[in-house]
């Protein structure tokens, strides 16, 4: 997976509340890279959109946006998933 930096100010469709994300899955975890885990990434996450009864999976671009715009949240979620 190649990560690109997305500017949220130029693309408001990626206005995702990370606190609403569910079912996070991570890949690229290399424990010899502790504590950085620089190759780790979110491979799957879902969100329940307002007014809808079922969650939908985020697209690859949305996942990249979440990691780029919320690096501290991403790292904390990654560490929590390892425990």
PDB file of N, CA and C in Angstrom:
ATOM      1  N   UNK A   1       0.850  -1.171   0.000  1.00  0.00           N
ATOM      2  CA  UNK A   1       0.000   0.000   0.000  1.00  0.00           C
ATOM      3  C   UNK A   1       0.889   1.225   0.000  1.00  0.00           C
ATOM      4  N   UNK A   2       0.683   2.114  -0.936  1.00  0.00           N
ATOM      5  CA  UNK A   2       1.436   3.343  -1.006  1.00  0.00           C
ATOM      6  C   UNK A   2       0.612   4.455  -0.378  1.00  0.00           C
ATOM      7  N   UNK A   3       1.198   5.135   0.592  1.00  0.00           N
ATOM      8  CA  UNK A   3       0.492   6.221   1.257  1.00  0.00           C
ATOM      9  C   UNK A   3       0.809   7.539   0.581  1.00  0.00           C
ATOM     10  N   UNK A   4      -0.201   8.338   0.394  1.00  0.00           N
ATOM     11  CA  UNK A   4      -0.020   9.674  -0.146  1.00  0.00           C
ATOM     12  C   UNK A   4      -0.588  10.662   0.855  1.00  0.00           C
ATOM     13  N   UNK A   5      -0.038  11.849   0.861  1.00  0.00           N
ATOM     14  CA  UNK A   5      -0.520  12.883   1.770  1.00  0.00           C
ATOM     15  C   UNK A   5      -1.704  13.587   1.100  1.00  0.00           C
ATOM     16  N   UNK A   6      -2.828  13.573   1.774  1.00  0.00           N
ATOM     17  CA  UNK A   6      -4.026  14.224   1.266  1.00  0.00           C
ATOM     18  C   UNK A   6      -4.310  15.453   2.109  1.00  0.00           C
ATOM     19  N   UNK A   7      -4.661  16.543   1.472  1.00  0.00           N
ATOM     20  CA  UNK A   7      -4.965  17.777   2.178  1.00  0.00           C
ATOM     21  C   UNK A   7      -6.462  17.856   2.416  1.00  0.00           C
ATOM     22  N   UNK A   8      -6.860  17.727   3.671  1.00  0.00           N
ATOM     23  CA  UNK A   8      -8.285  17.707   4.013  1.00  0.00           C
ATOM     24  C   UNK A   8      -8.975  19.017   3.672  1.00  0.00           C
ATOM     25  N   UNK A   9      -8.250  20.113   3.673  1.00  0.00           N
ATOM     26  CA  UNK A   9      -8.868  21.404   3.372  1.00  0.00           C
ATOM     27  C   UNK A   9      -9.274  21.493   1.908  1.00  0.00           C
ATOM     28  N   UNK A  10      -8.655  20.700   1.049  1.00  0.00           N
ATOM     29  CA  UNK A  10      -8.987  20.721  -0.371  1.00  0.00           C
ATOM     30  C   UNK A  10     -10.025  19.680  -0.754  1.00  0.00           C
ATOM     31  N   UNK A  11     -10.331  18.771   0.144  1.00  0.00           N
ATOM     32  CA  UNK A  11     -11.281  17.706  -0.164  1.00  0.00           C
ATOM     33  C   UNK A  11     -12.153  17.423   1.057  1.00  0.00           C
ATOM     34  N   UNK A  12     -13.216  18.203   1.242  1.00  0.00           N
ATOM     35  CA  UNK A  12     -14.042  18.063   2.443  1.00  0.00           C
ATOM     36  C   UNK A  12     -14.814  16.751   2.520  1.00  0.00           C
ATOM     37  N   UNK A  13     -14.847  15.955   1.467  1.00  0.00           N
ATOM     38  CA  UNK A  13     -15.585  14.694   1.536  1.00  0.00           C
ATOM     39  C   UNK A  13     -14.940  13.722   2.515  1.00  0.00           C
ATOM     40  N   UNK A  14     -13.707  14.000   2.898  1.00  0.00           N
ATOM     41  CA  UNK A  14     -13.024  13.149   3.869  1.00  0.00           C
ATOM     42  C   UNK A  14     -13.188  13.664   5.288  1.00  0.00           C
ATOM     43  N   UNK A  15     -14.285  14.293   5.563  1.00  0.00           N
ATOM     44  CA  UNK A  15     -14.566  14.796   6.906  1.00  0.00           C
ATOM     45  C   UNK A  15     -15.073  13.635   7.760  1.00  0.00           C
ATOM     46  N   UNK A  16     -14.122  12.835   8.266  1.00  0.00           N
ATOM     47  CA  UNK A  16     -14.440  11.614   9.004  1.00  0.00           C
ATOM     48  C   UNK A  16     -14.117  11.828  10.475  1.00  0.00           C
ATOM     49  N   UNK A  17     -15.074  11.529  11.332  1.00  0.00           N
ATOM     50  CA  UNK A  17     -14.855  11.585  12.776  1.00  0.00           C
ATOM     51  C   UNK A  17     -14.224  10.255  13.192  1.00  0.00           C
ATOM     52  N   UNK A  18     -12.940  10.279  13.554  1.00  0.00           N
ATOM     53  CA  UNK A  18     -12.238   9.034  13.873  1.00  0.00           C
ATOM     54  C   UNK A  18     -12.845   8.324  15.074  1.00  0.00           C
ATOM     55  N   UNK A  19     -13.544   9.051  15.922  1.00  0.00           N
ATOM     56  CA  UNK A  19     -14.185   8.431  17.078  1.00  0.00           C
ATOM     57  C   UNK A  19     -15.371   7.557  16.682  1.00  0.00           C
ATOM     58  N   UNK A  20     -15.821   7.670  15.455  1.00  0.00           N
ATOM     59  CA  UNK A  20     -16.932   6.876  14.944  1.00  0.00           C
ATOM     60  C   UNK A  20     -16.470   5.621  14.206  1.00  0.00           C
ATOM     61  N   UNK A  21     -15.156   5.435  14.061  1.00  0.00           N
ATOM     62  CA  UNK A  21     -14.650   4.282  13.324  1.00  0.00           C
ATOM     63  C   UNK A  21     -14.775   3.011  14.152  1.00  0.00           C
ATOM     64  N   UNK A  22     -15.072   1.913  13.461  1.00  0.00           N
ATOM     65  CA  UNK A  22     -15.267   0.616  14.095  1.00  0.00           C
ATOM     66  C   UNK A  22     -14.445  -0.439  13.364  1.00  0.00           C
ATOM     67  N   UNK A  23     -14.245  -1.576  14.021  1.00  0.00           N
ATOM     68  CA  UNK A  23     -13.646  -2.754  13.392  1.00  0.00           C
ATOM     69  C   UNK A  23     -12.310  -2.459  12.715  1.00  0.00           C
ATOM     70  N   UNK A  24     -11.435  -1.760  13.419  1.00  0.00           N
ATOM     71  CA  UNK A  24     -10.128  -1.427  12.860  1.00  0.00           C
ATOM     72  C   UNK A  24      -9.270  -2.681  12.713  1.00  0.00           C
ATOM     73  N   UNK A  25      -8.597  -2.780  11.570  1.00  0.00           N
ATOM     74  CA  UNK A  25      -7.625  -3.846  11.330  1.00  0.00           C
ATOM     75  C   UNK A  25      -6.332  -3.195  10.854  1.00  0.00           C
ATOM     76  N   UNK A  26      -5.205  -3.729  11.322  1.00  0.00           N
ATOM     77  CA  UNK A  26      -3.894  -3.175  10.992  1.00  0.00           C
ATOM     78  C   UNK A  26      -3.056  -4.218  10.276  1.00  0.00           C
ATOM     79  N   UNK A  27      -2.200  -3.754   9.380  1.00  0.00           N
ATOM     80  CA  UNK A  27      -1.230  -4.602   8.687  1.00  0.00           C
ATOM     81  C   UNK A  27       0.112  -3.885   8.700  1.00  0.00           C
ATOM     82  N   UNK A  28       1.140  -4.592   8.256  1.00  0.00           N
ATOM     83  CA  UNK A  28       2.469  -4.003   8.174  1.00  0.00           C
ATOM     84  C   UNK A  28       3.161  -3.868   9.519  1.00  0.00           C
ATOM     85  N   UNK A  29       2.682  -4.604  10.515  1.00  0.00           N
ATOM     86  CA  UNK A  29       3.255  -4.506  11.855  1.00  0.00           C
ATOM     87  C   UNK A  29       4.531  -5.341  11.913  1.00  0.00           C
ATOM     88  N   UNK A  30       5.624  -4.684  12.258  1.00  0.00           N
ATOM     89  CA  UNK A  30       6.917  -5.344  12.404  1.00  0.00           C
ATOM     90  C   UNK A  30       7.405  -5.058  13.808  1.00  0.00           C
ATOM     91  N   UNK A  31       7.352  -6.061  14.678  1.00  0.00           N
ATOM     92  CA  UNK A  31       7.677  -5.842  16.089  1.00  0.00           C
ATOM     93  C   UNK A  31       9.141  -5.485  16.315  1.00  0.00           C
ATOM     94  N   UNK A  32      10.007  -5.783  15.362  1.00  0.00           N
ATOM     95  CA  UNK A  32      11.399  -5.370  15.518  1.00  0.00           C
ATOM     96  C   UNK A  32      11.558  -3.863  15.315  1.00  0.00           C
ATOM     97  N   UNK A  33      10.505  -3.215  14.842  1.00  0.00           N
ATOM     98  CA  UNK A  33      10.501  -1.767  14.633  1.00  0.00           C
ATOM     99  C   UNK A  33       9.870  -1.016  15.809  1.00  0.00           C
ATOM    100  N   UNK A  34       9.621  -1.738  16.912  1.00  0.00           N
ATOM    101  CA  UNK A  34       9.047  -1.093  18.100  1.00  0.00           C
ATOM    102  C   UNK A  34       9.962   0.019  18.571  1.00  0.00           C
ATOM    103  N   UNK A  35       9.495   1.175  18.982  1.00  0.00           N
ATOM    104  CA  UNK A  35       8.104   1.582  19.150  1.00  0.00           C
ATOM    105  C   UNK A  35       7.545   2.350  17.945  1.00  0.00           C
ATOM    106  N   UNK A  36       8.329   2.468  16.881  1.00  0.00           N
ATOM    107  CA  UNK A  36       7.906   3.313  15.748  1.00  0.00           C
ATOM    108  C   UNK A  36       6.808   2.688  14.896  1.00  0.00           C
ATOM    109  N   UNK A  37       6.954   1.424  14.598  1.00  0.00           N
ATOM    110  CA  UNK A  37       6.003   0.738  13.707  1.00  0.00           C
ATOM    111  C   UNK A  37       5.732   1.568  12.442  1.00  0.00           C
ATOM    112  N   UNK A  38       6.821   2.022  11.821  1.00  0.00           N
ATOM    113  CA  UNK A  38       6.678   2.947  10.692  1.00  0.00           C
ATOM    114  C   UNK A  38       6.040   2.319   9.454  1.00  0.00           C
ATOM    115  N   UNK A  39       6.004   0.989   9.357  1.00  0.00           N
ATOM    116  CA  UNK A  39       5.367   0.343   8.205  1.00  0.00           C
ATOM    117  C   UNK A  39       3.921  -0.053   8.465  1.00  0.00           C
ATOM    118  N   UNK A  40       3.456   0.147   9.675  1.00  0.00           N
ATOM    119  CA  UNK A  40       2.080  -0.241  10.020  1.00  0.00           C
ATOM    120  C   UNK A  40       1.072   0.717   9.391  1.00  0.00           C
ATOM    121  N   UNK A  41      -0.070   0.180   9.084  1.00  0.00           N
ATOM    122  CA  UNK A  41      -1.148   0.990   8.511  1.00  0.00           C
ATOM    123  C   UNK A  41      -2.496   0.346   8.820  1.00  0.00           C
ATOM    124  N   UNK A  42      -3.551   1.150   8.712  1.00  0.00           N
ATOM    125  CA  UNK A  42      -4.910   0.634   8.876  1.00  0.00           C
ATOM    126  C   UNK A  42      -5.306  -0.001   7.551  1.00  0.00           C
ATOM    127  N   UNK A  43      -5.602  -1.288   7.591  1.00  0.00           N
ATOM    128  CA  UNK A  43      -5.988  -1.987   6.364  1.00  0.00           C
ATOM    129  C   UNK A  43      -7.500  -2.060   6.194  1.00  0.00           C
ATOM    130  N   UNK A  44      -8.222  -1.864   7.310  1.00  0.00           N
ATOM    131  CA  UNK A  44      -9.682  -1.909   7.226  1.00  0.00           C
ATOM    132  C   UNK A  44     -10.278  -1.156   8.405  1.00  0.00           C
ATOM    133  N   UNK A  45     -11.351  -0.461   8.132  1.00  0.00           N
ATOM    134  CA  UNK A  45     -12.141   0.209   9.175  1.00  0.00           C
ATOM    135  C   UNK A  45     -13.522   0.453   8.593  1.00  0.00           C
ATOM    136  N   UNK A  46     -14.493   0.512   9.463  1.00  0.00           N
ATOM    137  CA  UNK A  46     -15.849   0.799   9.005  1.00  0.00           C
ATOM    138  C   UNK A  46     -16.422   1.952   9.825  1.00  0.00           C
ATOM    139  N   UNK A  47     -17.462   2.549   9.275  1.00  0.00           N
ATOM    140  CA  UNK A  47     -18.106   3.676   9.934  1.00  0.00           C
ATOM    141  C   UNK A  47     -19.603   3.598   9.671  1.00  0.00           C
ATOM    142  N   UNK A  48     -20.363   3.971  10.655  1.00  0.00           N
ATOM    143  CA  UNK A  48     -21.821   4.033  10.490  1.00  0.00           C
ATOM    144  C   UNK A  48     -22.162   5.473  10.153  1.00  0.00           C
ATOM    145  N   UNK A  49     -22.665   5.672   8.970  1.00  0.00           N
ATOM    146  CA  UNK A  49     -23.013   7.018   8.535  1.00  0.00           C
ATOM    147  C   UNK A  49     -24.362   7.417   9.098  1.00  0.00           C
ATOM    148  N   UNK A  50     -24.499   8.695   9.331  1.00  0.00           N
ATOM    149  CA  UNK A  50     -25.727   9.237   9.903  1.00  0.00           C
ATOM    150  C   UNK A  50     -26.933   8.862   9.046  1.00  0.00           C
ATOM    151  N   UNK A  51     -27.956   8.344   9.700  1.00  0.00           N
ATOM    152  CA  UNK A  51     -29.192   7.986   9.013  1.00  0.00           C
ATOM    153  C   UNK A  51     -29.188   6.616   8.368  1.00  0.00           C
ATOM    154  N   UNK A  52     -28.071   5.886   8.481  1.00  0.00           N
ATOM    155  CA  UNK A  52     -27.990   4.552   7.876  1.00  0.00           C
ATOM    156  C   UNK A  52     -27.921   3.508   8.975  1.00  0.00           C
ATOM    157  N   UNK A  53     -28.511   2.351   8.712  1.00  0.00           N
ATOM    158  CA  UNK A  53     -28.555   1.307   9.730  1.00  0.00           C
ATOM    159  C   UNK A  53     -27.316   0.415   9.723  1.00  0.00           C
ATOM    160  N   UNK A  54     -26.604   0.372   8.604  1.00  0.00           N
ATOM    161  CA  UNK A  54     -25.436  -0.504   8.514  1.00  0.00           C
ATOM    162  C   UNK A  54     -24.170   0.300   8.300  1.00  0.00           C
ATOM    163  N   UNK A  55     -23.066  -0.246   8.789  1.00  0.00           N
ATOM    164  CA  UNK A  55     -21.763   0.389   8.601  1.00  0.00           C
ATOM    165  C   UNK A  55     -21.261   0.120   7.192  1.00  0.00           C
ATOM    166  N   UNK A  56     -20.370   0.963   6.744  1.00  0.00           N
ATOM    167  CA  UNK A  56     -19.704   0.742   5.457  1.00  0.00           C
ATOM    168  C   UNK A  56     -18.197   0.774   5.691  1.00  0.00           C
ATOM    169  N   UNK A  57     -17.464   0.050   4.863  1.00  0.00           N
ATOM    170  CA  UNK A  57     -16.007   0.068   4.941  1.00  0.00           C
ATOM    171  C   UNK A  57     -15.477   1.352   4.326  1.00  0.00           C
ATOM    172  N   UNK A  58     -14.435   1.883   4.935  1.00  0.00           N
ATOM    173  CA  UNK A  58     -13.776   3.052   4.378  1.00  0.00           C
ATOM    174  C   UNK A  58     -12.985   2.635   3.145  1.00  0.00           C
ATOM    175  N   UNK A  59     -12.857   3.549   2.199  1.00  0.00           N
ATOM    176  CA  UNK A  59     -12.050   3.290   1.015  1.00  0.00           C
ATOM    177  C   UNK A  59     -10.577   3.406   1.393  1.00  0.00           C
ATOM    178  N   UNK A  60      -9.712   2.946   0.521  1.00  0.00           N
ATOM    179  CA  UNK A  60      -8.272   3.065   0.749  1.00  0.00           C
ATOM    180  C   UNK A  60      -7.872   4.529   0.906  1.00  0.00           C
ATOM    181  N   UNK A  61      -8.450   5.394   0.101  1.00  0.00           N
ATOM    182  CA  UNK A  61      -8.137   6.828   0.196  1.00  0.00           C
ATOM    183  C   UNK A  61      -8.587   7.412   1.531  1.00  0.00           C
ATOM    184  N   UNK A  62      -9.756   6.994   2.007  1.00  0.00           N
ATOM    185  CA  UNK A  62     -10.235   7.466   3.307  1.00  0.00           C
ATOM    186  C   UNK A  62      -9.338   6.971   4.438  1.00  0.00           C
ATOM    187  N   UNK A  63      -8.892   5.720   4.338  1.00  0.00           N
ATOM    188  CA  UNK A  63      -7.977   5.187   5.353  1.00  0.00           C
ATOM    189  C   UNK A  63      -6.674   5.984   5.373  1.00  0.00           C
ATOM    190  N   UNK A  64      -6.150   6.288   4.202  1.00  0.00           N
ATOM    191  CA  UNK A  64      -4.929   7.092   4.121  1.00  0.00           C
ATOM    192  C   UNK A  64      -5.148   8.466   4.746  1.00  0.00           C
ATOM    193  N   UNK A  65      -6.284   9.069   4.454  1.00  0.00           N
ATOM    194  CA  UNK A  65      -6.600  10.383   5.009  1.00  0.00           C
ATOM    195  C   UNK A  65      -6.629  10.332   6.534  1.00  0.00           C
ATOM    196  N   UNK A  66      -7.274   9.310   7.085  1.00  0.00           N
ATOM    197  CA  UNK A  66      -7.365   9.171   8.539  1.00  0.00           C
ATOM    198  C   UNK A  66      -5.967   9.099   9.151  1.00  0.00           C
ATOM    199  N   UNK A  67      -5.097   8.275   8.574  1.00  0.00           N
ATOM    200  CA  UNK A  67      -3.745   8.128   9.120  1.00  0.00           C
ATOM    201  C   UNK A  67      -2.930   9.404   8.971  1.00  0.00           C
ATOM    202  N   UNK A  68      -3.098  10.100   7.848  1.00  0.00           N
ATOM    203  CA  UNK A  68      -2.358  11.347   7.614  1.00  0.00           C
ATOM    204  C   UNK A  68      -2.834  12.492   8.493  1.00  0.00           C
ATOM    205  N   UNK A  69      -4.136  12.602   8.670  1.00  0.00           N
ATOM    206  CA  UNK A  69      -4.703  13.739   9.395  1.00  0.00           C
ATOM    207  C   UNK A  69      -4.762  13.521  10.904  1.00  0.00           C
ATOM    208  N   UNK A  70      -4.677  12.274  11.341  1.00  0.00           N
ATOM    209  CA  UNK A  70      -4.802  11.938  12.774  1.00  0.00           C
ATOM    210  C   UNK A  70      -3.692  10.970  13.196  1.00  0.00           C
ATOM    211  N   UNK A  71      -2.430  11.358  13.034  1.00  0.00           N
ATOM    212  CA  UNK A  71      -1.343  10.420  13.321  1.00  0.00           C
ATOM    213  C   UNK A  71      -1.286   9.973  14.777  1.00  0.00           C
ATOM    214  N   UNK A  72      -1.558  10.832  15.726  1.00  0.00           N
ATOM    215  CA  UNK A  72      -1.539  10.433  17.136  1.00  0.00           C
ATOM    216  C   UNK A  72      -2.649   9.441  17.441  1.00  0.00           C
ATOM    217  N   UNK A  73      -3.839   9.702  16.931  1.00  0.00           N
ATOM    218  CA  UNK A  73      -4.959   8.777  17.107  1.00  0.00           C
ATOM    219  C   UNK A  73      -4.608   7.421  16.488  1.00  0.00           C
ATOM    220  N   UNK A  74      -4.079   7.455  15.269  1.00  0.00           N
ATOM    221  CA  UNK A  74      -3.695   6.219  14.575  1.00  0.00           C
ATOM    222  C   UNK A  74      -2.695   5.426  15.407  1.00  0.00           C
ATOM    223  N   UNK A  75      -1.656   6.080  15.905  1.00  0.00           N
ATOM    224  CA  UNK A  75      -0.632   5.382  16.687  1.00  0.00           C
ATOM    225  C   UNK A  75      -1.233   4.792  17.965  1.00  0.00           C
ATOM    226  N   UNK A  76      -2.058   5.561  18.642  1.00  0.00           N
ATOM    227  CA  UNK A  76      -2.689   5.059  19.870  1.00  0.00           C
ATOM    228  C   UNK A  76      -3.579   3.847  19.591  1.00  0.00           C
ATOM    229  N   UNK A  77      -4.323   3.877  18.497  1.00  0.00           N
ATOM    230  CA  UNK A  77      -5.171   2.740  18.133  1.00  0.00           C
ATOM    231  C   UNK A  77      -4.323   1.515  17.801  1.00  0.00           C
ATOM    232  N   UNK A  78      -3.221   1.746  17.101  1.00  0.00           N
ATOM    233  CA  UNK A  78      -2.315   0.659  16.763  1.00  0.00           C
ATOM    234  C   UNK A  78      -1.758   0.002  18.033  1.00  0.00           C
ATOM    235  N   UNK A  79      -1.257   0.807  18.943  1.00  0.00           N
ATOM    236  CA  UNK A  79      -0.691   0.288  20.190  1.00  0.00           C
ATOM    237  C   UNK A  79      -1.760  -0.446  20.995  1.00  0.00           C
ATOM    238  N   UNK A  80      -2.959   0.134  21.080  1.00  0.00           N
ATOM    239  CA  UNK A  80      -4.060  -0.538  21.797  1.00  0.00           C
ATOM    240  C   UNK A  80      -4.386  -1.894  21.169  1.00  0.00           C
ATOM    241  N   UNK A  81      -4.306  -1.994  19.869  1.00  0.00           N
ATOM    242  CA  UNK A  81      -4.643  -3.251  19.200  1.00  0.00           C
ATOM    243  C   UNK A  81      -3.608  -4.344  19.474  1.00  0.00           C
ATOM    244  N   UNK A  82      -2.414  -3.945  19.865  1.00  0.00           N
ATOM    245  CA  UNK A  82      -1.349  -4.917  20.133  1.00  0.00           C
ATOM    246  C   UNK A  82      -1.410  -5.483  21.540  1.00  0.00           C
ATOM    247  N   UNK A  83      -2.230  -4.907  22.388  1.00  0.00           N
ATOM    248  CA  UNK A  83      -2.311  -5.349  23.786  1.00  0.00           C
ATOM    249  C   UNK A  83      -3.557  -6.164  24.039  1.00  0.00           C
TER     250      UNK A  83
END
